[in-house]
């Protein structure tokens, strides 16, 4: 089943590339960066493989991928800023998020947003969803765009280069990266557990 789904996704991406050329890379990576699970681990190595075959230039493919990341991330940012923030402030208490937490997030992205965006663009899974909290916290939009592009560029170039280097074995790139997905998910689960523990502990009455 998983293999059939991956093959369907690969066919969809390949059709985009065939129909639109470099614009197909932009569209595919924009979808991935708009919080839709279209894995860049398939998109960019496939583009690199097509560069191996002479259809694309590997460096231009990387730039097209980074531009797609930027466009999709801009959409996700504005969804977070215009829709996600009001919902969070209104209903956040039901998932243990308070106004205080929102204020902390605002201050964090104001102080450390640039490095956070840059670094998370180099991480699987997290890179797809980081735009939403950045938008909810209303990080400076120009800086968000700059560091999104700068962080996405090496990610796209490396994946495209790997697909180009491996040639017909370009799918091995995704298999290698997916091994690290479990570590990312594990860290996320631990952070969520610590967050819940902190809130539960803070909400308990102080007894003398």
C-alpha atoms as a PDB file:
ATOM      1  CA  UNK A   1       0.000   0.000   0.000  1.00  0.00           C
ATOM      2  CA  UNK A   2       2.742   2.453   0.971  1.00  0.00           C
ATOM      3  CA  UNK A   3       4.663   1.532  -2.163  1.00  0.00           C
ATOM      4  CA  UNK A   4       1.604   2.186  -4.332  1.00  0.00           C
ATOM      5  CA  UNK A   5       1.082   5.581  -2.711  1.00  0.00           C
ATOM      6  CA  UNK A   6       4.723   6.548  -3.236  1.00  0.00           C
ATOM      7  CA  UNK A   7       4.498   5.489  -6.866  1.00  0.00           C
ATOM      8  CA  UNK A   8       1.347   7.587  -7.339  1.00  0.00           C
ATOM      9  CA  UNK A   9       3.051  10.608  -5.782  1.00  0.00           C
ATOM     10  CA  UNK A  10       6.129  10.067  -7.950  1.00  0.00           C
ATOM     11  CA  UNK A  11       3.955   9.883 -11.061  1.00  0.00           C
ATOM     12  CA  UNK A  12       2.189  13.106 -10.073  1.00  0.00           C
ATOM     13  CA  UNK A  13       5.502  14.903  -9.559  1.00  0.00           C
ATOM     14  CA  UNK A  14       6.923  13.579 -12.816  1.00  0.00           C
ATOM     15  CA  UNK A  15       3.831  14.792 -14.679  1.00  0.00           C
ATOM     16  CA  UNK A  16       4.350  18.245 -13.183  1.00  0.00           C
ATOM     17  CA  UNK A  17       7.960  18.261 -14.334  1.00  0.00           C
ATOM     18  CA  UNK A  18       7.065  17.012 -17.795  1.00  0.00           C
ATOM     19  CA  UNK A  19       4.274  19.547 -18.260  1.00  0.00           C
ATOM     20  CA  UNK A  20       5.805  22.628 -16.642  1.00  0.00           C
ATOM     21  CA  UNK A  21       9.564  22.134 -16.615  1.00  0.00           C
ATOM     22  CA  UNK A  22      11.290  24.154 -13.887  1.00  0.00           C
ATOM     23  CA  UNK A  23       7.926  25.692 -12.986  1.00  0.00           C
ATOM     24  CA  UNK A  24       6.839  22.156 -12.081  1.00  0.00           C
ATOM     25  CA  UNK A  25       9.600  22.045  -9.451  1.00  0.00           C
ATOM     26  CA  UNK A  26       8.381  25.387  -8.109  1.00  0.00           C
ATOM     27  CA  UNK A  27       4.792  24.144  -7.911  1.00  0.00           C
ATOM     28  CA  UNK A  28       5.714  20.832  -6.282  1.00  0.00           C
ATOM     29  CA  UNK A  29       7.915  22.435  -3.622  1.00  0.00           C
ATOM     30  CA  UNK A  30       5.299  25.136  -3.002  1.00  0.00           C
ATOM     31  CA  UNK A  31       2.768  22.399  -2.258  1.00  0.00           C
ATOM     32  CA  UNK A  32       5.252  20.717   0.107  1.00  0.00           C
ATOM     33  CA  UNK A  33       5.940  23.962   1.959  1.00  0.00           C
ATOM     34  CA  UNK A  34       2.251  24.771   2.320  1.00  0.00           C
ATOM     35  CA  UNK A  35       1.856  22.028   4.950  1.00  0.00           C
ATOM     36  CA  UNK A  36       0.709  19.461   2.399  1.00  0.00           C
ATOM     37  CA  UNK A  37       2.610  16.154   2.646  1.00  0.00           C
ATOM     38  CA  UNK A  38       4.250  16.069  -0.775  1.00  0.00           C
ATOM     39  CA  UNK A  39       7.764  15.022   0.267  1.00  0.00           C
ATOM     40  CA  UNK A  40      10.719  17.081  -0.905  1.00  0.00           C
ATOM     41  CA  UNK A  41      12.698  13.839  -0.464  1.00  0.00           C
ATOM     42  CA  UNK A  42      10.937  12.671  -3.627  1.00  0.00           C
ATOM     43  CA  UNK A  43      10.608  15.986  -5.456  1.00  0.00           C
ATOM     44  CA  UNK A  44      14.192  17.191  -5.494  1.00  0.00           C
ATOM     45  CA  UNK A  45      16.015  13.861  -6.009  1.00  0.00           C
ATOM     46  CA  UNK A  46      13.692  13.170  -8.950  1.00  0.00           C
ATOM     47  CA  UNK A  47      14.585  16.595 -10.335  1.00  0.00           C
ATOM     48  CA  UNK A  48      18.229  15.678  -9.827  1.00  0.00           C
ATOM     49  CA  UNK A  49      17.741  12.414 -11.687  1.00  0.00           C
ATOM     50  CA  UNK A  50      16.190  14.319 -14.586  1.00  0.00           C
ATOM     51  CA  UNK A  51      19.248  16.571 -14.488  1.00  0.00           C
ATOM     52  CA  UNK A  52      21.338  13.400 -14.733  1.00  0.00           C
ATOM     53  CA  UNK A  53      19.361  12.562 -17.878  1.00  0.00           C
ATOM     54  CA  UNK A  54      19.884  16.064 -19.269  1.00  0.00           C
ATOM     55  CA  UNK A  55      16.340  17.411 -18.795  1.00  0.00           C
ATOM     56  CA  UNK A  56      17.241  19.873 -16.034  1.00  0.00           C
ATOM     57  CA  UNK A  57      20.298  21.669 -14.771  1.00  0.00           C
ATOM     58  CA  UNK A  58      20.936  20.537 -11.200  1.00  0.00           C
ATOM     59  CA  UNK A  59      21.783  24.048  -9.932  1.00  0.00           C
ATOM     60  CA  UNK A  60      18.747  25.651 -11.566  1.00  0.00           C
ATOM     61  CA  UNK A  61      16.597  22.835 -10.200  1.00  0.00           C
ATOM     62  CA  UNK A  62      17.800  23.689  -6.679  1.00  0.00           C
ATOM     63  CA  UNK A  63      16.979  27.352  -7.148  1.00  0.00           C
ATOM     64  CA  UNK A  64      13.530  26.482  -8.500  1.00  0.00           C
ATOM     65  CA  UNK A  65      12.967  24.256  -5.475  1.00  0.00           C
ATOM     66  CA  UNK A  66      13.939  27.028  -3.065  1.00  0.00           C
ATOM     67  CA  UNK A  67      11.622  29.467  -4.830  1.00  0.00           C
ATOM     68  CA  UNK A  68       8.808  26.949  -4.481  1.00  0.00           C
ATOM     69  CA  UNK A  69       9.590  26.601  -0.770  1.00  0.00           C
ATOM     70  CA  UNK A  70       9.386  30.353  -0.407  1.00  0.00           C
ATOM     71  CA  UNK A  71       6.031  30.652  -2.192  1.00  0.00           C
ATOM     72  CA  UNK A  72       4.407  27.807  -0.267  1.00  0.00           C
ATOM     73  CA  UNK A  73       5.817  29.065   3.018  1.00  0.00           C
ATOM     74  CA  UNK A  74       4.419  32.538   2.380  1.00  0.00           C
ATOM     75  CA  UNK A  75       0.951  31.015   2.003  1.00  0.00           C
ATOM     76  CA  UNK A  76       1.349  28.986   5.210  1.00  0.00           C
ATOM     77  CA  UNK A  77       2.672  32.061   7.042  1.00  0.00           C
ATOM     78  CA  UNK A  78      -0.370  34.141   6.139  1.00  0.00           C
ATOM     79  CA  UNK A  79      -2.726  31.313   7.045  1.00  0.00           C
ATOM     80  CA  UNK A  80      -1.109  31.280  10.475  1.00  0.00           C
ATOM     81  CA  UNK A  81      -1.115  35.070  10.796  1.00  0.00           C
ATOM     82  CA  UNK A  82      -4.670  35.729   9.627  1.00  0.00           C
ATOM     83  CA  UNK A  83      -6.519  32.562  10.571  1.00  0.00           C
ATOM     84  CA  UNK A  84      -4.434  30.573  13.003  1.00  0.00           C
ATOM     85  CA  UNK A  85      -3.693  33.341  15.483  1.00  0.00           C
ATOM     86  CA  UNK A  86      -7.307  34.339  16.236  1.00  0.00           C
ATOM     87  CA  UNK A  87      -8.260  30.665  16.593  1.00  0.00           C
ATOM     88  CA  UNK A  88      -5.302  30.024  18.858  1.00  0.00           C
ATOM     89  CA  UNK A  89      -6.094  32.941  21.133  1.00  0.00           C
ATOM     90  CA  UNK A  90      -9.770  32.004  21.285  1.00  0.00           C
ATOM     91  CA  UNK A  91      -9.569  28.233  21.667  1.00  0.00           C
ATOM     92  CA  UNK A  92      -5.975  27.641  22.697  1.00  0.00           C
ATOM     93  CA  UNK A  93      -6.932  27.002  26.321  1.00  0.00           C
ATOM     94  CA  UNK A  94      -8.542  23.739  25.233  1.00  0.00           C
ATOM     95  CA  UNK A  95      -5.139  22.435  24.111  1.00  0.00           C
ATOM     96  CA  UNK A  96      -3.231  23.993  27.021  1.00  0.00           C
ATOM     97  CA  UNK A  97      -2.090  27.089  25.114  1.00  0.00           C
ATOM     98  CA  UNK A  98      -2.609  30.356  26.952  1.00  0.00           C
ATOM     99  CA  UNK A  99      -2.166  34.023  26.103  1.00  0.00           C
ATOM    100  CA  UNK A 100       1.095  33.822  28.029  1.00  0.00           C
ATOM    101  CA  UNK A 101       2.315  31.063  25.715  1.00  0.00           C
ATOM    102  CA  UNK A 102       1.390  33.125  22.668  1.00  0.00           C
ATOM    103  CA  UNK A 103       3.321  36.084  24.080  1.00  0.00           C
ATOM    104  CA  UNK A 104       6.344  33.869  24.714  1.00  0.00           C
ATOM    105  CA  UNK A 105       6.193  32.606  21.117  1.00  0.00           C
ATOM    106  CA  UNK A 106       5.977  36.188  19.846  1.00  0.00           C
ATOM    107  CA  UNK A 107       9.077  37.164  21.794  1.00  0.00           C
ATOM    108  CA  UNK A 108      10.924  34.024  20.695  1.00  0.00           C
ATOM    109  CA  UNK A 109      10.342  34.629  16.983  1.00  0.00           C
ATOM    110  CA  UNK A 110      11.170  38.307  17.414  1.00  0.00           C
ATOM    111  CA  UNK A 111      14.551  37.423  18.929  1.00  0.00           C
ATOM    112  CA  UNK A 112      15.453  34.097  17.348  1.00  0.00           C
ATOM    113  CA  UNK A 113      13.161  33.799  14.337  1.00  0.00           C
ATOM    114  CA  UNK A 114      15.918  34.105  11.724  1.00  0.00           C
ATOM    115  CA  UNK A 115      18.087  31.256  12.999  1.00  0.00           C
ATOM    116  CA  UNK A 116      15.013  29.145  13.803  1.00  0.00           C
ATOM    117  CA  UNK A 117      13.629  29.439  10.285  1.00  0.00           C
ATOM    118  CA  UNK A 118      17.026  28.846   8.681  1.00  0.00           C
ATOM    119  CA  UNK A 119      17.875  25.756  10.747  1.00  0.00           C
ATOM    120  CA  UNK A 120      14.433  24.134  10.544  1.00  0.00           C
ATOM    121  CA  UNK A 121      14.499  24.432   6.748  1.00  0.00           C
ATOM    122  CA  UNK A 122      17.341  21.929   6.885  1.00  0.00           C
ATOM    123  CA  UNK A 123      15.317  19.396   8.907  1.00  0.00           C
ATOM    124  CA  UNK A 124      12.824  16.831   7.585  1.00  0.00           C
ATOM    125  CA  UNK A 125       9.176  17.074   8.676  1.00  0.00           C
ATOM    126  CA  UNK A 126       9.688  20.247  10.757  1.00  0.00           C
ATOM    127  CA  UNK A 127      10.590  22.272   7.665  1.00  0.00           C
ATOM    128  CA  UNK A 128       7.145  21.625   6.199  1.00  0.00           C
ATOM    129  CA  UNK A 129       5.227  23.078   9.148  1.00  0.00           C
ATOM    130  CA  UNK A 130       7.445  25.795  10.691  1.00  0.00           C
ATOM    131  CA  UNK A 131       5.766  28.556   8.655  1.00  0.00           C
ATOM    132  CA  UNK A 132       2.485  28.216  10.563  1.00  0.00           C
ATOM    133  CA  UNK A 133       3.900  29.038  14.033  1.00  0.00           C
ATOM    134  CA  UNK A 134       6.027  31.780  12.474  1.00  0.00           C
ATOM    135  CA  UNK A 135       2.861  33.286  11.030  1.00  0.00           C
ATOM    136  CA  UNK A 136       0.899  32.847  14.241  1.00  0.00           C
ATOM    137  CA  UNK A 137       3.703  34.645  16.102  1.00  0.00           C
ATOM    138  CA  UNK A 138       3.770  37.232  13.291  1.00  0.00           C
ATOM    139  CA  UNK A 139       7.486  37.130  12.792  1.00  0.00           C
ATOM    140  CA  UNK A 140       8.819  39.969  10.638  1.00  0.00           C
ATOM    141  CA  UNK A 141       7.622  38.915   7.185  1.00  0.00           C
ATOM    142  CA  UNK A 142      10.593  40.190   5.167  1.00  0.00           C
ATOM    143  CA  UNK A 143      13.058  38.359   7.430  1.00  0.00           C
ATOM    144  CA  UNK A 144      10.878  35.270   7.343  1.00  0.00           C
ATOM    145  CA  UNK A 145      11.013  35.255   3.538  1.00  0.00           C
ATOM    146  CA  UNK A 146      14.773  35.881   3.420  1.00  0.00           C
ATOM    147  CA  UNK A 147      15.706  33.099   5.841  1.00  0.00           C
ATOM    148  CA  UNK A 148      13.169  30.706   4.366  1.00  0.00           C
ATOM    149  CA  UNK A 149      14.853  31.045   0.985  1.00  0.00           C
ATOM    150  CA  UNK A 150      18.383  30.896   2.396  1.00  0.00           C
ATOM    151  CA  UNK A 151      17.587  27.783   4.444  1.00  0.00           C
ATOM    152  CA  UNK A 152      15.696  26.069   1.624  1.00  0.00           C
ATOM    153  CA  UNK A 153      18.401  26.590  -0.985  1.00  0.00           C
ATOM    154  CA  UNK A 154      21.042  24.197   0.440  1.00  0.00           C
ATOM    155  CA  UNK A 155      18.345  21.623   1.246  1.00  0.00           C
ATOM    156  CA  UNK A 156      17.086  21.656  -2.342  1.00  0.00           C
ATOM    157  CA  UNK A 157      20.553  21.721  -3.847  1.00  0.00           C
ATOM    158  CA  UNK A 158      21.793  18.795  -1.765  1.00  0.00           C
ATOM    159  CA  UNK A 159      18.752  16.652  -2.565  1.00  0.00           C
ATOM    160  CA  UNK A 160      18.981  17.486  -6.270  1.00  0.00           C
ATOM    161  CA  UNK A 161      22.721  16.798  -6.279  1.00  0.00           C
ATOM    162  CA  UNK A 162      22.133  13.450  -4.526  1.00  0.00           C
ATOM    163  CA  UNK A 163      19.538  12.440  -7.108  1.00  0.00           C
ATOM    164  CA  UNK A 164      21.913  13.501  -9.887  1.00  0.00           C
ATOM    165  CA  UNK A 165      24.790  11.519  -8.350  1.00  0.00           C
ATOM    166  CA  UNK A 166      22.785   8.346  -7.731  1.00  0.00           C
ATOM    167  CA  UNK A 167      21.148   8.396 -11.139  1.00  0.00           C
ATOM    168  CA  UNK A 168      18.703   5.509 -11.487  1.00  0.00           C
ATOM    169  CA  UNK A 169      18.960   4.887  -7.730  1.00  0.00           C
ATOM    170  CA  UNK A 170      17.665   8.364  -6.865  1.00  0.00           C
ATOM    171  CA  UNK A 171      14.889   6.908  -4.657  1.00  0.00           C
ATOM    172  CA  UNK A 172      17.553   5.809  -2.174  1.00  0.00           C
ATOM    173  CA  UNK A 173      17.809   9.442  -1.078  1.00  0.00           C
ATOM    174  CA  UNK A 174      14.299   9.413   0.377  1.00  0.00           C
ATOM    175  CA  UNK A 175      14.893   6.082   2.086  1.00  0.00           C
ATOM    176  CA  UNK A 176      18.002   7.438   3.800  1.00  0.00           C
ATOM    177  CA  UNK A 177      16.307  10.630   4.999  1.00  0.00           C
ATOM    178  CA  UNK A 178      13.249   8.779   6.259  1.00  0.00           C
ATOM    179  CA  UNK A 179      15.482   6.993   8.768  1.00  0.00           C
ATOM    180  CA  UNK A 180      15.884  10.343  10.526  1.00  0.00           C
ATOM    181  CA  UNK A 181      12.150  11.059  10.517  1.00  0.00           C
ATOM    182  CA  UNK A 182      11.695   8.786  13.535  1.00  0.00           C
ATOM    183  CA  UNK A 183      14.244  10.787  15.526  1.00  0.00           C
ATOM    184  CA  UNK A 184      12.501  14.051  14.652  1.00  0.00           C
ATOM    185  CA  UNK A 185       9.109  12.624  15.657  1.00  0.00           C
ATOM    186  CA  UNK A 186      10.568  11.283  18.917  1.00  0.00           C
ATOM    187  CA  UNK A 187      11.998  14.680  19.836  1.00  0.00           C
ATOM    188  CA  UNK A 188       8.651  16.305  19.034  1.00  0.00           C
ATOM    189  CA  UNK A 189       6.776  13.834  21.247  1.00  0.00           C
ATOM    190  CA  UNK A 190       9.176  14.488  24.125  1.00  0.00           C
ATOM    191  CA  UNK A 191       8.763  18.250  23.760  1.00  0.00           C
ATOM    192  CA  UNK A 192       4.972  17.952  23.731  1.00  0.00           C
ATOM    193  CA  UNK A 193       5.084  15.753  26.840  1.00  0.00           C
ATOM    194  CA  UNK A 194       7.284  18.278  28.652  1.00  0.00           C
ATOM    195  CA  UNK A 195       4.979  21.096  27.598  1.00  0.00           C
ATOM    196  CA  UNK A 196       1.893  19.279  28.935  1.00  0.00           C
ATOM    197  CA  UNK A 197       3.705  18.391  32.180  1.00  0.00           C
ATOM    198  CA  UNK A 198       4.722  22.007  32.705  1.00  0.00           C
ATOM    199  CA  UNK A 199       1.156  23.244  32.217  1.00  0.00           C
ATOM    200  CA  UNK A 200      -0.388  20.591  34.440  1.00  0.00           C
ATOM    201  CA  UNK A 201       2.135  21.302  37.164  1.00  0.00           C
ATOM    202  CA  UNK A 202       1.618  25.052  36.900  1.00  0.00           C
ATOM    203  CA  UNK A 203      -2.161  24.651  37.099  1.00  0.00           C
ATOM    204  CA  UNK A 204      -2.034  22.638  40.326  1.00  0.00           C
ATOM    205  CA  UNK A 205      -2.906  24.637  43.461  1.00  0.00           C
ATOM    206  CA  UNK A 206      -0.038  25.435  45.796  1.00  0.00           C
ATOM    207  CA  UNK A 207      -0.490  23.744  49.153  1.00  0.00           C
ATOM    208  CA  UNK A 208       1.260  24.656  52.347  1.00  0.00           C
END
